[in-house]
Amino acid sequence: MSQELSLEQEFELQAFDQRIQELSEAESKELLGDLYKHNMVQANVFRALLKDAWGIDQDLKQALEAR
């Protein structure tokens, strides 16, 4: 798995860096909070996808449904 950015991603990052230079401190803090929340949501989505793909929690779901 490559952890390097594609050329397009490098360009997007550079454009983002330029845009954030113009933000006020309050805007920067709000953006940072939004990005942190987005990362948390993304991690939850990845976990759910992996659980589904690997069949994790299937036995637990069946046990709960049997009650």
PDB file of N, CA and C in Angstrom:
ATOM      1  N   MET A   1       0.855  -1.179   0.000  1.00  0.00           N
ATOM      2  CA  MET A   1       0.000   0.000   0.000  1.00  0.00           C
ATOM      3  C   MET A   1       0.897   1.237   0.000  1.00  0.00           C
ATOM      4  N   SER A   2       0.652   2.104  -0.931  1.00  0.00           N
ATOM      5  CA  SER A   2       1.454   3.316  -1.047  1.00  0.00           C
ATOM      6  C   SER A   2       0.936   4.397  -0.108  1.00  0.00           C
ATOM      7  N   GLN A   3       1.861   5.009   0.596  1.00  0.00           N
ATOM      8  CA  GLN A   3       1.485   6.100   1.484  1.00  0.00           C
ATOM      9  C   GLN A   3       1.923   7.439   0.907  1.00  0.00           C
ATOM     10  N   GLU A   4       2.352   7.409  -0.336  1.00  0.00           N
ATOM     11  CA  GLU A   4       2.738   8.633  -1.021  1.00  0.00           C
ATOM     12  C   GLU A   4       1.503   9.251  -1.662  1.00  0.00           C
ATOM     13  N   LEU A   5       1.558  10.547  -1.890  1.00  0.00           N
ATOM     14  CA  LEU A   5       0.454  11.236  -2.550  1.00  0.00           C
ATOM     15  C   LEU A   5       0.659  11.216  -4.054  1.00  0.00           C
ATOM     16  N   SER A   6      -0.449  11.135  -4.774  1.00  0.00           N
ATOM     17  CA  SER A   6      -0.377  11.231  -6.230  1.00  0.00           C
ATOM     18  C   SER A   6      -0.050  12.679  -6.597  1.00  0.00           C
ATOM     19  N   LEU A   7       0.294  12.887  -7.846  1.00  0.00           N
ATOM     20  CA  LEU A   7       0.597  14.239  -8.314  1.00  0.00           C
ATOM     21  C   LEU A   7      -0.616  15.146  -8.132  1.00  0.00           C
ATOM     22  N   GLU A   8      -1.804  14.622  -8.426  1.00  0.00           N
ATOM     23  CA  GLU A   8      -3.035  15.397  -8.253  1.00  0.00           C
ATOM     24  C   GLU A   8      -3.248  15.764  -6.778  1.00  0.00           C
ATOM     25  N   GLN A   9      -2.987  14.815  -5.886  1.00  0.00           N
ATOM     26  CA  GLN A   9      -3.142  15.088  -4.454  1.00  0.00           C
ATOM     27  C   GLN A   9      -2.124  16.118  -3.975  1.00  0.00           C
ATOM     28  N   GLU A  10      -0.904  16.044  -4.492  1.00  0.00           N
ATOM     29  CA  GLU A  10       0.116  17.039  -4.140  1.00  0.00           C
ATOM     30  C   GLU A  10      -0.350  18.432  -4.552  1.00  0.00           C
ATOM     31  N   PHE A  11      -0.936  18.537  -5.737  1.00  0.00           N
ATOM     32  CA  PHE A  11      -1.449  19.815  -6.225  1.00  0.00           C
ATOM     33  C   PHE A  11      -2.577  20.313  -5.324  1.00  0.00           C
ATOM     34  N   GLU A  12      -3.512  19.409  -4.969  1.00  0.00           N
ATOM     35  CA  GLU A  12      -4.622  19.781  -4.088  1.00  0.00           C
ATOM     36  C   GLU A  12      -4.108  20.253  -2.729  1.00  0.00           C
ATOM     37  N   LEU A  13      -3.091  19.581  -2.212  1.00  0.00           N
ATOM     38  CA  LEU A  13      -2.518  19.962  -0.922  1.00  0.00           C
ATOM     39  C   LEU A  13      -1.881  21.343  -0.995  1.00  0.00           C
ATOM     40  N   GLN A  14      -1.176  21.608  -2.072  1.00  0.00           N
ATOM     41  CA  GLN A  14      -0.554  22.919  -2.240  1.00  0.00           C
ATOM     42  C   GLN A  14      -1.621  24.016  -2.338  1.00  0.00           C
ATOM     43  N   ALA A  15      -2.694  23.753  -3.073  1.00  0.00           N
ATOM     44  CA  ALA A  15      -3.785  24.728  -3.191  1.00  0.00           C
ATOM     45  C   ALA A  15      -4.452  24.946  -1.834  1.00  0.00           C
ATOM     46  N   PHE A  16      -4.635  23.871  -1.071  1.00  0.00           N
ATOM     47  CA  PHE A  16      -5.228  23.977   0.261  1.00  0.00           C
ATOM     48  C   PHE A  16      -4.325  24.801   1.178  1.00  0.00           C
ATOM     49  N   ASP A  17      -3.028  24.527   1.126  1.00  0.00           N
ATOM     50  CA  ASP A  17      -2.070  25.288   1.939  1.00  0.00           C
ATOM     51  C   ASP A  17      -2.157  26.783   1.644  1.00  0.00           C
ATOM     52  N   GLN A  18      -2.305  27.134   0.382  1.00  0.00           N
ATOM     53  CA  GLN A  18      -2.420  28.546   0.016  1.00  0.00           C
ATOM     54  C   GLN A  18      -3.708  29.159   0.565  1.00  0.00           C
ATOM     55  N   ARG A  19      -4.805  28.398   0.494  1.00  0.00           N
ATOM     56  CA  ARG A  19      -6.094  28.912   0.995  1.00  0.00           C
ATOM     57  C   ARG A  19      -6.069  29.118   2.508  1.00  0.00           C
ATOM     58  N   ILE A  20      -5.443  28.215   3.238  1.00  0.00           N
ATOM     59  CA  ILE A  20      -5.489  28.339   4.699  1.00  0.00           C
ATOM     60  C   ILE A  20      -4.615  29.478   5.209  1.00  0.00           C
ATOM     61  N   GLN A  21      -3.689  29.940   4.396  1.00  0.00           N
ATOM     62  CA  GLN A  21      -2.866  31.080   4.799  1.00  0.00           C
ATOM     63  C   GLN A  21      -3.713  32.334   4.984  1.00  0.00           C
ATOM     64  N   GLU A  22      -4.866  32.375   4.324  1.00  0.00           N
ATOM     65  CA  GLU A  22      -5.737  33.553   4.369  1.00  0.00           C
ATOM     66  C   GLU A  22      -6.774  33.485   5.489  1.00  0.00           C
ATOM     67  N   LEU A  23      -6.822  32.385   6.227  1.00  0.00           N
ATOM     68  CA  LEU A  23      -7.835  32.226   7.276  1.00  0.00           C
ATOM     69  C   LEU A  23      -7.463  32.995   8.539  1.00  0.00           C
ATOM     70  N   SER A  24      -8.485  33.454   9.232  1.00  0.00           N
ATOM     71  CA  SER A  24      -8.262  34.068  10.541  1.00  0.00           C
ATOM     72  C   SER A  24      -8.013  32.954  11.558  1.00  0.00           C
ATOM     73  N   GLU A  25      -7.607  33.330  12.755  1.00  0.00           N
ATOM     74  CA  GLU A  25      -7.370  32.337  13.804  1.00  0.00           C
ATOM     75  C   GLU A  25      -8.658  31.584  14.135  1.00  0.00           C
ATOM     76  N   ALA A  26      -9.768  32.302  14.219  1.00  0.00           N
ATOM     77  CA  ALA A  26     -11.053  31.658  14.532  1.00  0.00           C
ATOM     78  C   ALA A  26     -11.456  30.687  13.420  1.00  0.00           C
ATOM     79  N   GLU A  27     -11.264  31.106  12.170  1.00  0.00           N
ATOM     80  CA  GLU A  27     -11.591  30.226  11.043  1.00  0.00           C
ATOM     81  C   GLU A  27     -10.686  28.996  11.038  1.00  0.00           C
ATOM     82  N   SER A  28      -9.423  29.199  11.389  1.00  0.00           N
ATOM     83  CA  SER A  28      -8.475  28.085  11.443  1.00  0.00           C
ATOM     84  C   SER A  28      -8.888  27.068  12.498  1.00  0.00           C
ATOM     85  N   LYS A  29      -9.295  27.567  13.663  1.00  0.00           N
ATOM     86  CA  LYS A  29      -9.722  26.665  14.736  1.00  0.00           C
ATOM     87  C   LYS A  29     -10.977  25.895  14.341  1.00  0.00           C
ATOM     88  N   GLU A  30     -11.909  26.575  13.684  1.00  0.00           N
ATOM     89  CA  GLU A  30     -13.134  25.908  13.241  1.00  0.00           C
ATOM     90  C   GLU A  30     -12.811  24.832  12.204  1.00  0.00           C
ATOM     91  N   LEU A  31     -11.939  25.161  11.257  1.00  0.00           N
ATOM     92  CA  LEU A  31     -11.548  24.203  10.235  1.00  0.00           C
ATOM     93  C   LEU A  31     -10.842  23.005  10.859  1.00  0.00           C
ATOM     94  N   LEU A  32      -9.969  23.252  11.810  1.00  0.00           N
ATOM     95  CA  LEU A  32      -9.259  22.166  12.476  1.00  0.00           C
ATOM     96  C   LEU A  32     -10.237  21.232  13.184  1.00  0.00           C
ATOM     97  N   GLY A  33     -11.218  21.805  13.858  1.00  0.00           N
ATOM     98  CA  GLY A  33     -12.240  20.993  14.514  1.00  0.00           C
ATOM     99  C   GLY A  33     -13.037  20.171  13.513  1.00  0.00           C
ATOM    100  N   ASP A  34     -13.400  20.788  12.397  1.00  0.00           N
ATOM    101  CA  ASP A  34     -14.142  20.079  11.350  1.00  0.00           C
ATOM    102  C   ASP A  34     -13.318  18.931  10.764  1.00  0.00           C
ATOM    103  N   LEU A  35     -12.032  19.187  10.525  1.00  0.00           N
ATOM    104  CA  LEU A  35     -11.166  18.148   9.974  1.00  0.00           C
ATOM    105  C   LEU A  35     -11.001  16.987  10.948  1.00  0.00           C
ATOM    106  N   TYR A  36     -10.871  17.310  12.231  1.00  0.00           N
ATOM    107  CA  TYR A  36     -10.731  16.266  13.247  1.00  0.00           C
ATOM    108  C   TYR A  36     -11.989  15.399  13.295  1.00  0.00           C
ATOM    109  N   LYS A  37     -13.150  16.038  13.261  1.00  0.00           N
ATOM    110  CA  LYS A  37     -14.415  15.297  13.268  1.00  0.00           C
ATOM    111  C   LYS A  37     -14.520  14.425  12.017  1.00  0.00           C
ATOM    112  N   HIS A  38     -14.149  14.975  10.871  1.00  0.00           N
ATOM    113  CA  HIS A  38     -14.198  14.217   9.619  1.00  0.00           C
ATOM    114  C   HIS A  38     -13.305  12.979   9.703  1.00  0.00           C
ATOM    115  N   ASN A  39     -12.114  13.126  10.274  1.00  0.00           N
ATOM    116  CA  ASN A  39     -11.213  11.982  10.424  1.00  0.00           C
ATOM    117  C   ASN A  39     -11.820  10.913  11.323  1.00  0.00           C
ATOM    118  N   MET A  40     -12.511  11.333  12.377  1.00  0.00           N
ATOM    119  CA  MET A  40     -13.154  10.380  13.274  1.00  0.00           C
ATOM    120  C   MET A  40     -14.276   9.627  12.549  1.00  0.00           C
ATOM    121  N   VAL A  41     -15.081  10.345  11.786  1.00  0.00           N
ATOM    122  CA  VAL A  41     -16.161   9.713  11.020  1.00  0.00           C
ATOM    123  C   VAL A  41     -15.571   8.747   9.994  1.00  0.00           C
ATOM    124  N   GLN A  42     -14.517   9.173   9.315  1.00  0.00           N
ATOM    125  CA  GLN A  42     -13.876   8.325   8.315  1.00  0.00           C
ATOM    126  C   GLN A  42     -13.342   7.042   8.961  1.00  0.00           C
ATOM    127  N   ALA A  43     -12.740   7.153  10.129  1.00  0.00           N
ATOM    128  CA  ALA A  43     -12.248   5.972  10.840  1.00  0.00           C
ATOM    129  C   ALA A  43     -13.399   5.028  11.179  1.00  0.00           C
ATOM    130  N   ASN A  44     -14.536   5.581  11.589  1.00  0.00           N
ATOM    131  CA  ASN A  44     -15.704   4.748  11.892  1.00  0.00           C
ATOM    132  C   ASN A  44     -16.203   4.020  10.649  1.00  0.00           C
ATOM    133  N   VAL A  45     -16.206   4.716   9.520  1.00  0.00           N
ATOM    134  CA  VAL A  45     -16.639   4.094   8.263  1.00  0.00           C
ATOM    135  C   VAL A  45     -15.687   2.962   7.891  1.00  0.00           C
ATOM    136  N   PHE A  46     -14.379   3.204   7.988  1.00  0.00           N
ATOM    137  CA  PHE A  46     -13.402   2.160   7.673  1.00  0.00           C
ATOM    138  C   PHE A  46     -13.588   0.950   8.577  1.00  0.00           C
ATOM    139  N   ARG A  47     -13.783   1.193   9.882  1.00  0.00           N
ATOM    140  CA  ARG A  47     -13.999   0.083  10.816  1.00  0.00           C
ATOM    141  C   ARG A  47     -15.234  -0.721  10.431  1.00  0.00           C
ATOM    142  N   ALA A  48     -16.317  -0.019  10.109  1.00  0.00           N
ATOM    143  CA  ALA A  48     -17.557  -0.704   9.735  1.00  0.00           C
ATOM    144  C   ALA A  48     -17.367  -1.513   8.451  1.00  0.00           C
ATOM    145  N   LEU A  49     -16.668  -0.952   7.479  1.00  0.00           N
ATOM    146  CA  LEU A  49     -16.420  -1.671   6.230  1.00  0.00           C
ATOM    147  C   LEU A  49     -15.579  -2.921   6.465  1.00  0.00           C
ATOM    148  N   LEU A  50     -14.550  -2.791   7.302  1.00  0.00           N
ATOM    149  CA  LEU A  50     -13.705  -3.946   7.599  1.00  0.00           C
ATOM    150  C   LEU A  50     -14.477  -5.010   8.367  1.00  0.00           C
ATOM    151  N   LYS A  51     -15.268  -4.593   9.339  1.00  0.00           N
ATOM    152  CA  LYS A  51     -16.076  -5.559  10.089  1.00  0.00           C
ATOM    153  C   LYS A  51     -17.001  -6.315   9.153  1.00  0.00           C
ATOM    154  N   ASP A  52     -17.623  -5.600   8.230  1.00  0.00           N
ATOM    155  CA  ASP A  52     -18.531  -6.234   7.279  1.00  0.00           C
ATOM    156  C   ASP A  52     -17.771  -7.167   6.342  1.00  0.00           C
ATOM    157  N   ALA A  53     -16.646  -6.703   5.829  1.00  0.00           N
ATOM    158  CA  ALA A  53     -15.860  -7.504   4.889  1.00  0.00           C
ATOM    159  C   ALA A  53     -15.297  -8.754   5.549  1.00  0.00           C
ATOM    160  N   TRP A  54     -14.914  -8.651   6.814  1.00  0.00           N
ATOM    161  CA  TRP A  54     -14.311  -9.773   7.526  1.00  0.00           C
ATOM    162  C   TRP A  54     -15.337 -10.605   8.293  1.00  0.00           C
ATOM    163  N   GLY A  55     -16.595 -10.186   8.274  1.00  0.00           N
ATOM    164  CA  GLY A  55     -17.631 -10.942   8.970  1.00  0.00           C
ATOM    165  C   GLY A  55     -17.565 -10.830  10.479  1.00  0.00           C
ATOM    166  N   ILE A  56     -16.905  -9.809  10.969  1.00  0.00           N
ATOM    167  CA  ILE A  56     -16.816  -9.596  12.414  1.00  0.00           C
ATOM    168  C   ILE A  56     -18.175  -9.139  12.916  1.00  0.00           C
ATOM    169  N   ASP A  57     -18.565  -9.568  14.064  1.00  0.00           N
ATOM    170  CA  ASP A  57     -19.834  -9.234  14.714  1.00  0.00           C
ATOM    171  C   ASP A  57     -21.012 -10.007  14.142  1.00  0.00           C
ATOM    172  N   GLN A  58     -20.801 -10.863  13.152  1.00  0.00           N
ATOM    173  CA  GLN A  58     -21.915 -11.634  12.606  1.00  0.00           C
ATOM    174  C   GLN A  58     -22.467 -12.596  13.650  1.00  0.00           C
ATOM    175  N   ASP A  59     -21.564 -13.276  14.383  1.00  0.00           N
ATOM    176  CA  ASP A  59     -22.015 -14.203  15.419  1.00  0.00           C
ATOM    177  C   ASP A  59     -22.746 -13.466  16.523  1.00  0.00           C
ATOM    178  N   LEU A  60     -22.263 -12.290  16.874  1.00  0.00           N
ATOM    179  CA  LEU A  60     -22.908 -11.491  17.911  1.00  0.00           C
ATOM    180  C   LEU A  60     -24.306 -11.075  17.465  1.00  0.00           C
ATOM    181  N   LYS A  61     -24.439 -10.650  16.218  1.00  0.00           N
ATOM    182  CA  LYS A  61     -25.754 -10.257  15.700  1.00  0.00           C
ATOM    183  C   LYS A  61     -26.719 -11.436  15.725  1.00  0.00           C
ATOM    184  N   GLN A  62     -26.239 -12.607  15.323  1.00  0.00           N
ATOM    185  CA  GLN A  62     -27.092 -13.792  15.317  1.00  0.00           C
ATOM    186  C   GLN A  62     -27.504 -14.167  16.734  1.00  0.00           C
ATOM    187  N   ALA A  63     -26.589 -14.052  17.683  1.00  0.00           N
ATOM    188  CA  ALA A  63     -26.903 -14.378  19.073  1.00  0.00           C
ATOM    189  C   ALA A  63     -27.939 -13.411  19.632  1.00  0.00           C
ATOM    190  N   LEU A  64     -27.817 -12.144  19.289  1.00  0.00           N
ATOM    191  CA  LEU A  64     -28.773 -11.156  19.778  1.00  0.00           C
ATOM    192  C   LEU A  64     -30.142 -11.349  19.136  1.00  0.00           C
ATOM    193  N   GLU A  65     -30.164 -11.743  17.861  1.00  0.00           N
ATOM    194  CA  GLU A  65     -31.436 -11.967  17.179  1.00  0.00           C
ATOM    195  C   GLU A  65     -32.143 -13.211  17.713  1.00  0.00           C
ATOM    196  N   ALA A  66     -31.389 -14.171  18.213  1.00  0.00           N
ATOM    197  CA  ALA A  66     -31.966 -15.412  18.728  1.00  0.00           C
ATOM    198  C   ALA A  66     -32.672 -15.199  20.060  1.00  0.00           C
ATOM    199  N   ARG A  67     -32.381 -14.102  20.724  1.00  0.00           N
ATOM    200  CA  ARG A  67     -33.003 -13.833  22.034  1.00  0.00           C
ATOM    201  C   ARG A  67     -34.429 -13.560  21.909  1.00  0.00           C
TER     202      ARG A  67
END
